[in-house]
Amino acid sequence: MNRLFVVNKPIFRSSNGYMSYVKRKYATKKVGFSGTLDPFATGCLIVATGQYTKLFQYLNKTPKSYRATLWLGASSDTLDIEHIAHIAEVSPFPHAYLDEVLQSFVGDIEYLPPKYSAKKIAGERAYDLARQGKEVTLKSIQSTLYSIKLLNYSHPFLHFEATVSEGTYIRSLGQLIAQKLGVEGTLSSLHRLHEGAFRFEEEKALNPFEYLAIPRNRCIKDEKDMELGKKIDTSYLENQNEGIYLVETSNFFAIIEITHESVIYRLNRLEKFATAPL
């Protein structure tokens, strides 16, 4: 069964661990997901089964929006509520000042990813090294904060919503906000609202054609050659410009790449979306 859909990941379940539930629910062994959510985070998680697990790198998953709560005065190595080290009392801030601080981050931001993250260091995950008590040295990364707004402030909890580029660590954004306020802080809640056009809608099956970040092309010769994976050249295609394309045939669809030398199958003989989702 090939299926693309969005689940609403519950709190205190790892994204990978939640796939066991998905496998049982949909009676399938092949399941994948994109855009890992931390165990304490909830919300939109893109899931695919069967052949559609090969599509993740071609999906349009940006921008992403989150709702988060920053606990001012709380300190945690993980930058979330899983490992609170201590809590300090801090004075309240004026709402106008908080809004000013939040808006100061709009645009490109550079920061260090959390040491408890899936970033790899010499082939090992940063969070594995951190849990072993080993030194974790990560390179700074850049993200784009498209917008941010203060939703509510009930001291010491600051609730905000942020729209960001793919790969942004909201835990690190929370840390940057706290640092600019001159206090410690950690996220006490995090909920992903959407990834691009992907939103949770009761796990309904989605047509991948509507979510791919690549243009369409058209086969103008015998499409059976393409379905069978035979070698083809640009004369088979309506658009012969270099690039990556979706090509639909009568029974399947393919993702191909046109280079200056040849036409390469990236994916082929993928079954079309079923019009009667489960």
Foldseek 3Di string as FASTA:
>chain_A
DKFKWWDWADAQAWPVRCVVVVCVVVVADAKDWPDTDPRRATFTIIMIGDPCNLCVVFFQFDWWKKKFKKQWQWDALQLEDPGTDDGDDDDDDDPVVLFVLQVVQAFKDKDFDRLLAQDDDPRHGSNVCVVVVHDGDTDIDMWHWHDKDFDDCDPPMTIMMTIITPPDDVSGVSQVSNVVVVTGIGIHYMYIAGGVPHGHDPGWTDFRVVGGPAAAKEFPDPCVCQQVVHFDFLVRIPDQDFDWHWYDDPFAIFIWGHDPVGIGTPGHRHGGDDPDTD
